[in-house]
């Protein structure tokens, strides 16, 4: 007898009896995949086993809940603590996603080396125990409190956790785990949901902290249904180009802290190294008096970071000029080029334009608009603006320069890195306190800013 099948949406987890090109729940196109219906009936079996035999919690008044027990603890890395909101939380489930080879397993194994006073169980479904030992030796990770289990059956993992009673559980990765009672392949929607639910039950009932590694698909999202991100307490993305040494850890979801903070790491031969001063690292090797470059200051949570923006303009040999951006939103760059053409008096429409943010940073806030405009003007006129100048400000469609938040904090970081001049919106000049040694240049529009710094 043929088993009945149903269709799941990879984006929202919605279940339907028939396939359609568009999910009726979330509206995503081509997101429905087929899975056996037995997965629906048994998709909580591993989670039920994880909680079996445990005393059921009883409701308590909020005023009677214990506040003395400290739930947070340091991970041993200040950059990791910053992203998590001050440290890891006991009883939480953290999902770490990233592209293959970016360093997710390296990061978690290095963290295990800092937890000397806690029992850690590292479950790997991608390596053998000897292979993980080789990697740990290369990273300099050791300790009697670190236990390694090479297993892909979630039921065996649950049993090992109940026997060992660890303080911290690491699962690498959730796509390799499977429940034998579900008739679908490891990595499928039903398997990923069930295994994640089992780990979540262990974290909540036993009070242990769980870190789960998740692969990403070609769109950059964590593989599996979107409901997987709703099940966990914190979603971290480990980003970075493998051709570059710097890696950025950012939170897409955090129930116990802000999602605006980032952590910066550098990949070296012996693992990841924290970068406590990312501004200095991002500006290292900057060319001196080269046209087409300008520095701005962006806020990543509470941390100001200096970013170098490079622009290259050359006469186009084609009917339609080319546009290419890296680290800057393409539509935002096209908008700024149009504003420069119309309000700045520079004929850039006949030039191929290429924009790049050094270090792999993604500039999302409009604070970098003025620096982008000055870098484009500097490359167009082939005149440097000086290595001691920075710029902050948002550019409007009429060419006006608007104010941004945390101006004083940005100026302090700019002055600390040795810059002598900074272009800011003119109407902010009287309301700020300029750091010692930093000359403030006010500009009302981009034409004034370009004429002031690009001769």
Protein backbone atom coordinates (compact mmCIF):
# COMPACT_ATOMS: atom_id res chain seq x y z
CA UNK A 1 0.00 0.00 0.00
CA UNK A 2 1.39 3.37 -1.01
CA UNK A 3 2.03 5.77 1.83
CA UNK A 4 0.08 9.00 1.74
CA UNK A 5 2.12 12.14 1.26
CA UNK A 6 1.59 15.79 2.10
CA UNK A 7 3.33 18.99 1.03
CA UNK A 8 5.28 21.34 3.30
CA UNK A 9 6.27 24.95 2.69
CA UNK A 10 10.02 25.43 3.17
CA UNK A 11 9.49 29.05 4.21
CA UNK A 12 6.68 28.90 6.79
CA UNK A 13 6.15 25.17 7.42
CA UNK A 14 2.52 25.23 6.27
CA UNK A 15 1.05 21.83 5.31
CA UNK A 16 -1.24 21.22 2.33
CA UNK A 17 -2.70 18.11 0.73
CA UNK A 18 -1.92 19.15 -2.84
CA UNK A 19 1.01 20.84 -4.53
CA UNK A 20 0.68 24.36 -5.86
CA UNK A 21 3.12 26.83 -7.26
CA UNK A 22 2.52 29.32 -4.46
CA UNK A 23 2.15 28.68 -0.74
CA UNK A 24 -1.38 29.65 0.36
CA UNK A 25 -0.08 30.71 3.79
CA UNK A 26 2.97 32.90 3.21
CA UNK A 27 2.72 33.45 -0.55
CA UNK A 28 6.20 32.12 -1.37
CA UNK A 29 6.65 30.70 -4.87
CA UNK A 30 7.98 27.17 -5.54
CA UNK A 31 8.45 26.47 -1.83
CA UNK A 32 6.26 23.36 -1.43
CA UNK A 33 8.06 20.01 -1.06
CA UNK A 34 6.61 16.53 -0.69
CA UNK A 35 7.01 14.45 2.50
CA UNK A 36 5.38 11.29 3.88
CA UNK A 37 2.34 11.86 6.03
CA UNK A 38 3.80 9.57 8.71
CA UNK A 39 6.16 12.42 9.49
CA UNK A 40 3.16 14.47 10.53
CA UNK A 41 1.95 11.76 12.90
CA UNK A 42 5.35 11.13 14.44
CA UNK A 43 7.01 14.51 14.17
CA UNK A 44 7.05 14.90 17.94
CA UNK A 45 8.29 11.45 18.87
CA UNK A 46 11.89 12.47 19.62
CA UNK A 47 10.73 15.57 21.47
CA UNK A 48 8.34 13.47 23.54
CA UNK A 49 11.17 11.08 24.38
CA UNK A 50 13.37 13.99 25.44
CA UNK A 51 10.76 15.13 27.96
CA UNK A 52 9.55 11.69 29.04
CA UNK A 53 9.83 10.88 32.71
CA UNK A 54 10.47 14.46 33.75
CA UNK A 55 8.41 16.21 36.36
CA UNK A 56 5.82 18.47 34.84
CA UNK A 57 6.17 22.16 35.59
CA UNK A 58 3.42 23.82 37.56
CA UNK A 59 2.23 27.40 37.11
CA UNK A 60 3.70 29.93 39.54
CA UNK A 61 2.92 33.58 40.18
CA UNK A 62 5.39 35.97 38.61
CA UNK A 63 6.16 37.51 42.00
CA UNK A 64 7.30 34.13 43.39
CA UNK A 65 9.79 33.30 40.63
CA UNK A 66 13.41 33.03 41.71
CA UNK A 67 15.48 36.05 40.72
CA UNK A 68 18.66 35.24 42.62
CA UNK A 69 19.97 32.57 40.27
CA UNK A 70 22.24 34.08 37.63
CA UNK A 71 21.17 32.71 34.28
CA UNK A 72 23.83 34.38 32.16
CA UNK A 73 27.41 33.20 31.93
CA UNK A 74 30.35 34.32 29.83
CA UNK A 75 31.24 32.31 26.75
CA UNK A 76 34.91 33.23 27.08
CA UNK A 77 34.85 35.48 24.01
CA UNK A 78 33.89 39.12 24.47
CA UNK A 79 32.72 39.40 20.86
CA UNK A 80 30.39 36.43 21.33
CA UNK A 81 29.08 37.84 24.61
CA UNK A 82 28.38 41.17 22.91
CA UNK A 83 26.24 39.56 20.20
CA UNK A 84 24.36 37.38 22.71
CA UNK A 85 23.49 40.43 24.80
CA UNK A 86 25.98 39.98 27.65
CA UNK A 87 26.62 36.23 27.60
CA UNK A 88 24.88 32.92 27.03
CA UNK A 89 21.66 32.14 28.94
CA UNK A 90 21.12 28.83 30.71
CA UNK A 91 18.24 26.85 29.28
CA UNK A 92 18.40 28.64 25.92
CA UNK A 93 18.71 27.25 22.40
CA UNK A 94 21.03 29.12 20.02
CA UNK A 95 21.05 28.45 16.28
CA UNK A 96 24.30 29.33 14.46
CA UNK A 97 23.99 29.54 10.66
CA UNK A 98 26.42 30.37 7.91
CA UNK A 99 27.82 29.38 4.55
CA UNK A 100 29.92 26.19 4.29
CA UNK A 101 33.50 26.76 5.35
CA UNK A 102 32.91 30.13 7.00
CA UNK A 103 33.99 28.84 10.43
CA UNK A 104 30.86 27.81 12.37
CA UNK A 105 32.35 24.57 13.71
CA UNK A 106 35.64 26.31 14.45
CA UNK A 107 33.87 28.99 16.47
CA UNK A 108 31.90 26.53 18.59
CA UNK A 109 34.85 24.20 19.19
CA UNK A 110 36.95 27.16 20.34
CA UNK A 111 34.16 28.17 22.69
CA UNK A 112 34.20 24.66 24.15
CA UNK A 113 37.83 25.21 25.09
CA UNK A 114 36.86 28.15 27.34
CA UNK A 115 34.26 26.20 29.34
CA UNK A 116 36.73 24.44 31.64
CA UNK A 117 34.48 24.55 34.70
CA UNK A 118 31.40 23.17 32.90
CA UNK A 119 30.59 19.81 31.38
CA UNK A 120 30.26 20.10 27.60
CA UNK A 121 28.91 17.49 25.19
CA UNK A 122 29.91 18.07 21.56
CA UNK A 123 27.75 16.02 19.20
CA UNK A 124 29.08 15.85 15.65
CA UNK A 125 27.26 14.23 12.77
CA UNK A 126 29.79 15.29 10.14
CA UNK A 127 33.07 14.07 11.64
CA UNK A 128 34.38 11.05 13.46
CA UNK A 129 35.76 11.39 16.97
CA UNK A 130 39.34 11.11 15.71
CA UNK A 131 38.79 13.77 13.08
CA UNK A 132 37.39 16.15 15.68
CA UNK A 133 40.39 15.37 17.91
CA UNK A 134 42.71 16.43 15.09
CA UNK A 135 40.83 19.69 14.65
CA UNK A 136 40.83 20.34 18.40
CA UNK A 137 44.59 19.80 18.54
CA UNK A 138 45.11 22.32 15.74
CA UNK A 139 42.95 24.88 17.56
CA UNK A 140 44.59 24.20 20.91
CA UNK A 141 41.37 22.96 22.54
CA UNK A 142 41.66 20.39 25.32
CA UNK A 143 40.14 19.51 28.67
CA UNK A 144 38.63 16.62 30.61
CA UNK A 145 35.24 18.34 30.81
CA UNK A 146 34.73 18.19 27.02
CA UNK A 147 33.00 15.05 25.80
CA UNK A 148 32.69 14.16 22.12
CA UNK A 149 29.92 12.04 20.59
CA UNK A 150 29.87 11.11 16.89
CA UNK A 151 26.20 10.30 16.30
CA UNK A 152 23.37 11.14 13.92
CA UNK A 153 20.45 9.37 15.65
CA UNK A 154 18.64 11.95 17.77
CA UNK A 155 17.33 9.25 20.12
CA UNK A 156 20.90 8.21 20.96
CA UNK A 157 21.82 11.86 21.48
CA UNK A 158 18.91 12.33 23.88
CA UNK A 159 19.95 9.24 25.83
CA UNK A 160 23.57 10.40 26.05
CA UNK A 161 22.49 13.80 27.32
CA UNK A 162 20.32 12.21 30.01
CA UNK A 163 23.20 9.95 31.09
CA UNK A 164 25.93 12.61 31.09
CA UNK A 165 23.83 15.56 32.37
CA UNK A 166 26.01 18.21 30.64
CA UNK A 167 25.81 21.93 31.25
CA UNK A 168 26.28 22.78 27.56
CA UNK A 169 25.27 20.85 24.45
CA UNK A 170 26.64 21.51 20.96
CA UNK A 171 25.03 19.83 17.92
CA UNK A 172 26.94 20.06 14.64
CA UNK A 173 24.83 20.06 12.57
CA UNK A 174 21.06 19.74 12.87
CA UNK A 175 20.74 18.79 9.18
CA UNK A 176 22.68 15.54 9.83
CA UNK A 177 20.45 14.42 12.73
CA UNK A 178 17.53 12.08 12.09
CA UNK A 179 14.77 10.25 13.93
CA UNK A 180 14.42 6.62 12.82
CA UNK A 181 10.66 6.69 13.40
CA UNK A 182 10.17 9.34 10.70
CA UNK A 183 10.13 8.03 7.13
CA UNK A 184 12.10 10.83 5.53
CA UNK A 185 15.75 11.54 4.80
CA UNK A 186 18.02 13.48 7.19
CA UNK A 187 17.86 17.19 6.43
CA UNK A 188 14.24 17.09 5.33
CA UNK A 189 11.70 19.43 6.83
CA UNK A 190 10.14 16.84 9.12
CA UNK A 191 13.53 15.63 10.40
CA UNK A 192 14.94 19.09 11.02
CA UNK A 193 11.82 20.22 12.89
CA UNK A 194 11.71 17.07 15.02
CA UNK A 195 15.40 17.09 15.93
CA UNK A 196 15.33 20.78 16.79
CA UNK A 197 12.26 20.25 18.95
CA UNK A 198 14.04 17.41 20.78
CA UNK A 199 17.06 19.62 21.51
CA UNK A 200 14.76 22.43 22.65
CA UNK A 201 12.98 20.08 25.08
CA UNK A 202 16.34 19.04 26.51
CA UNK A 203 17.40 22.66 26.95
CA UNK A 204 14.17 23.75 28.65
CA UNK A 205 13.62 20.72 30.90
CA UNK A 206 17.23 20.15 31.96
CA UNK A 207 18.34 23.80 32.04
CA UNK A 208 21.31 23.24 29.75
CA UNK A 209 22.50 25.68 27.10
CA UNK A 210 22.30 24.25 23.56
CA UNK A 211 24.13 25.49 20.46
CA UNK A 212 22.94 24.07 17.14
CA UNK A 213 24.71 24.54 13.81
CA UNK A 214 22.46 25.07 10.78
CA UNK A 215 23.42 25.08 7.12
CA UNK A 216 22.21 27.82 4.79
CA UNK A 217 20.66 27.49 1.35
CA UNK A 218 21.64 29.34 -1.82
CA UNK A 219 19.42 32.28 -0.85
CA UNK A 220 21.45 32.71 2.37
CA UNK A 221 18.69 31.64 4.77
CA UNK A 222 18.99 28.73 7.18
CA UNK A 223 18.02 25.52 5.39
CA UNK A 224 14.69 24.09 6.47
CA UNK A 225 11.33 25.69 7.25
CA UNK A 226 11.17 29.21 8.57
CA UNK A 227 9.48 27.81 11.66
CA UNK A 228 12.89 26.51 12.71
CA UNK A 229 13.99 30.07 13.49
CA UNK A 230 10.82 30.61 15.54
CA UNK A 231 11.55 27.58 17.71
CA UNK A 232 14.94 28.73 18.96
CA UNK A 233 15.77 31.58 21.34
CA UNK A 234 18.59 33.12 19.33
CA UNK A 235 19.59 32.99 15.66
CA UNK A 236 23.18 33.95 14.84
CA UNK A 237 24.57 34.34 11.35
CA UNK A 238 28.31 33.90 10.78
CA UNK A 239 29.16 35.87 7.67
CA UNK A 240 32.26 36.57 5.64
CA UNK A 241 33.91 35.97 2.31
CA UNK A 242 36.18 32.92 2.42
CA UNK A 243 38.75 34.84 0.37
CA UNK A 244 38.95 37.43 3.17
CA UNK A 245 40.21 36.85 6.70
CA UNK A 246 37.53 38.77 8.60
CA UNK A 247 34.28 37.20 9.80
CA UNK A 248 31.23 38.98 11.22
CA UNK A 249 28.82 37.41 13.69
CA UNK A 250 25.42 39.07 13.88
CA UNK A 251 22.11 38.21 15.56
CA UNK A 252 18.98 37.93 13.42
CA UNK A 253 16.87 37.07 16.48
CA UNK A 254 17.63 37.30 20.20
CA UNK A 255 15.06 36.91 22.96
CA UNK A 256 17.57 37.95 25.60
CA UNK A 257 19.29 40.92 23.99
CA UNK A 258 19.58 43.32 21.08
CA UNK A 259 19.85 42.23 17.44
CA UNK A 260 21.92 45.27 16.43
CA UNK A 261 25.27 44.17 17.86
CA UNK A 262 27.96 42.46 15.79
CA UNK A 263 31.12 40.56 16.65
CA UNK A 264 34.23 40.71 14.47
CA UNK A 265 36.69 37.83 14.15
CA UNK A 266 39.75 37.13 12.05
CA UNK A 267 40.39 33.66 10.66
CA UNK A 268 43.97 32.55 11.24
CA UNK A 269 45.90 29.29 10.96
CA UNK A 270 45.04 28.30 14.53
CA UNK A 271 41.42 29.35 14.49
CA UNK A 272 39.46 32.53 15.01
CA UNK A 273 40.91 35.58 16.74
CA UNK A 274 38.73 38.28 18.26
CA UNK A 275 39.06 41.77 16.80
CA UNK A 276 38.39 44.17 19.70
CA UNK A 277 39.10 47.23 17.53
CA UNK A 278 37.37 46.55 14.20
CA UNK A 279 37.72 50.14 12.97
CA UNK A 280 41.49 49.96 12.99
CA UNK A 281 41.41 46.53 11.36
CA UNK A 282 39.06 47.67 8.59
CA UNK A 283 41.29 50.66 7.76
CA UNK A 284 44.60 48.78 7.77
CA UNK A 285 46.41 49.03 4.44
CA UNK A 286 44.42 52.05 3.28
CA UNK A 287 46.13 53.86 0.37
CA UNK A 288 47.50 57.34 0.99
CA UNK A 289 46.11 60.23 -1.06
CA UNK A 290 44.37 57.96 -3.55
CA UNK A 291 41.32 59.33 -5.39
CA UNK A 292 38.00 57.55 -5.01
CA UNK A 293 38.12 56.66 -1.32
CA UNK A 294 36.36 58.10 1.74
CA UNK A 295 35.80 56.94 5.31
CA UNK A 296 32.52 57.00 7.22
CA UNK A 297 31.36 55.85 10.66
CA UNK A 298 28.43 53.45 11.00
CA UNK A 299 26.77 52.19 14.17
CA UNK A 300 26.50 48.45 14.75
CA UNK A 301 24.34 48.41 17.87
CA UNK A 302 26.24 50.44 20.45
CA UNK A 303 29.57 50.08 18.65
CA UNK A 304 30.80 52.73 16.16
CA UNK A 305 32.84 51.24 13.30
CA UNK A 306 34.78 53.12 10.66
CA UNK A 307 34.34 51.80 7.13
CA UNK A 308 36.28 52.70 4.02
CA UNK A 309 34.23 53.22 0.87
CA UNK A 310 35.96 52.97 -2.50
CA UNK A 311 34.56 54.21 -5.80
CA UNK A 312 35.87 53.77 -9.32
CA UNK A 313 34.42 55.70 -12.25
CA UNK A 314 35.63 55.32 -15.82
CA UNK A 315 34.15 56.44 -19.17
CA UNK A 316 31.78 53.81 -20.47
CA UNK A 317 32.34 52.25 -23.89
CA UNK A 318 28.80 50.88 -24.01
CA UNK A 319 25.43 52.48 -24.67
CA UNK A 320 24.36 51.76 -21.08
CA UNK A 321 26.82 52.38 -18.27
CA UNK A 322 27.55 49.52 -15.90
CA UNK A 323 26.84 49.63 -12.17
CA UNK A 324 28.37 47.23 -9.65
CA UNK A 325 28.29 47.40 -5.84
CA UNK A 326 29.80 45.35 -3.03
CA UNK A 327 28.67 46.13 0.51
CA UNK A 328 26.33 48.93 -0.64
CA UNK A 329 22.71 48.42 -1.65
CA UNK A 330 22.50 48.55 -5.44
CA UNK A 331 19.31 50.63 -5.51
CA UNK A 332 20.74 53.07 -2.98
CA UNK A 333 23.87 53.49 -5.09
CA UNK A 334 21.78 54.13 -8.21
CA UNK A 335 19.77 56.75 -6.31
CA UNK A 336 22.92 58.56 -5.13
CA UNK A 337 24.39 58.55 -8.64
CA UNK A 338 21.20 60.17 -9.92
CA UNK A 339 21.36 62.82 -7.16
CA UNK A 340 25.01 63.56 -8.01
CA UNK A 341 24.07 63.94 -11.68
CA UNK A 342 21.13 66.24 -11.00
CA UNK A 343 22.10 68.18 -7.87
CA UNK A 344 25.89 67.85 -7.75
CA UNK A 345 26.65 68.98 -11.28
CA UNK A 346 28.78 65.94 -12.17
CA UNK A 347 28.04 64.07 -15.41
CA UNK A 348 28.39 60.53 -14.04
CA UNK A 349 25.69 58.93 -16.20
CA UNK A 350 28.22 58.30 -18.96
CA UNK A 351 30.63 56.47 -16.64
CA UNK A 352 30.83 52.91 -15.40
CA UNK A 353 30.56 53.06 -11.60
CA UNK A 354 31.92 50.48 -9.16
CA UNK A 355 31.48 50.76 -5.37
CA UNK A 356 33.15 48.63 -2.72
CA UNK A 357 33.21 48.56 1.09
CA UNK A 358 36.56 47.29 2.34
CA UNK A 359 36.52 44.41 4.82
CA UNK A 360 33.26 42.78 3.78
CA UNK A 361 30.97 45.08 5.76
CA UNK A 362 27.39 45.58 4.62
CA UNK A 363 26.35 49.24 4.99
CA UNK A 364 22.61 49.37 5.57
CA UNK A 365 22.07 52.69 7.34
CA UNK A 366 21.95 55.93 5.30
CA UNK A 367 24.78 57.49 7.33
CA UNK A 368 27.22 56.42 4.63
CA UNK A 369 25.46 58.40 1.87
CA UNK A 370 27.72 61.44 2.10
CA UNK A 371 30.90 59.34 2.10
CA UNK A 372 29.67 57.48 -0.99
CA UNK A 373 28.98 60.78 -2.76
CA UNK A 374 32.44 62.17 -1.91
CA UNK A 375 34.17 58.96 -3.00
CA UNK A 376 32.33 59.07 -6.35
CA UNK A 377 33.16 62.76 -6.86
CA UNK A 378 36.80 62.14 -5.94
CA UNK A 379 37.10 59.35 -8.50
CA UNK A 380 35.24 61.34 -11.16
CA UNK A 381 37.54 64.36 -10.78
CA UNK A 382 40.56 62.12 -10.13
CA UNK A 383 41.48 64.16 -7.06
CA UNK A 384 42.05 62.73 -3.56
CA UNK A 385 40.11 64.15 -0.63
CA UNK A 386 42.90 63.40 1.85
CA UNK A 387 43.48 60.46 4.14
CA UNK A 388 42.65 62.56 7.24
CA UNK A 389 39.00 63.25 6.26
CA UNK A 390 35.81 61.38 7.12
CA UNK A 391 32.16 62.10 6.32
CA UNK A 392 28.82 61.26 7.93
CA UNK A 393 25.36 62.29 6.76
CA UNK A 394 22.27 61.17 4.89
CA UNK A 395 21.63 62.55 1.41
CA UNK A 396 18.12 63.42 0.24
CA UNK A 397 16.71 63.52 -3.27
CA UNK A 398 17.16 67.28 -3.51
CA UNK A 399 20.82 66.98 -2.57
CA UNK A 400 20.39 68.18 1.02
CA UNK A 401 22.47 66.58 3.78
CA UNK A 402 20.38 65.41 6.71
CA UNK A 403 21.39 64.64 10.26
CA UNK A 404 22.02 61.16 11.68
CA UNK A 405 21.83 59.66 15.16
CA UNK A 406 24.67 59.41 17.70
CA UNK A 407 26.76 62.13 16.02
CA UNK A 408 28.93 62.76 19.09
CA UNK A 409 29.75 59.08 19.50
CA UNK A 410 30.68 58.78 15.83
CA UNK A 411 32.92 61.86 16.04
CA UNK A 412 34.70 60.46 19.09
CA UNK A 413 35.54 57.28 17.18
CA UNK A 414 36.68 59.27 14.14
CA UNK A 415 38.98 61.43 16.28
CA UNK A 416 40.33 58.38 18.14
CA UNK A 417 41.54 56.86 14.87
CA UNK A 418 43.56 59.97 14.05
CA UNK A 419 41.33 61.79 11.55
CA UNK A 420 41.68 65.57 11.50
CA UNK A 421 38.61 66.64 9.47
CA UNK A 422 35.02 65.47 9.26
CA UNK A 423 32.15 66.64 7.04
CA UNK A 424 28.76 66.65 8.77
CA UNK A 425 25.34 68.25 8.13
CA UNK A 426 25.58 72.00 8.64
CA UNK A 427 22.57 72.25 10.96
CA UNK A 428 24.20 69.80 13.41
CA UNK A 429 27.35 71.86 13.82
CA UNK A 430 26.12 74.01 16.71
CA UNK A 431 24.55 71.16 18.69
CA UNK A 432 27.58 68.89 18.93
CA UNK A 433 30.75 68.90 20.96
CA UNK A 434 33.70 68.49 18.63
CA UNK A 435 36.55 66.33 19.96
CA UNK A 436 39.91 68.01 20.45
CA UNK A 437 41.97 68.07 17.27
CA UNK A 438 39.05 67.33 14.94
CA UNK A 439 37.98 70.08 12.52
CA UNK A 440 34.26 70.04 11.75
CA UNK A 441 33.20 70.99 8.22
CA UNK A 442 29.50 71.73 7.82
CA UNK A 443 27.72 71.34 4.49
CA UNK A 444 24.09 72.00 3.63
CA UNK A 445 24.05 70.03 0.38
CA UNK A 446 26.26 67.75 -1.66
CA UNK A 447 27.44 70.55 -3.96
CA UNK A 448 28.91 72.41 -0.97
CA UNK A 449 30.48 69.21 0.37
CA UNK A 450 32.06 68.30 -2.98
CA UNK A 451 33.46 71.80 -3.58
CA UNK A 452 34.81 71.95 0.00
CA UNK A 453 36.86 68.76 -0.03
CA UNK A 454 37.35 67.82 -3.72
CA UNK A 455 39.31 70.62 -5.36
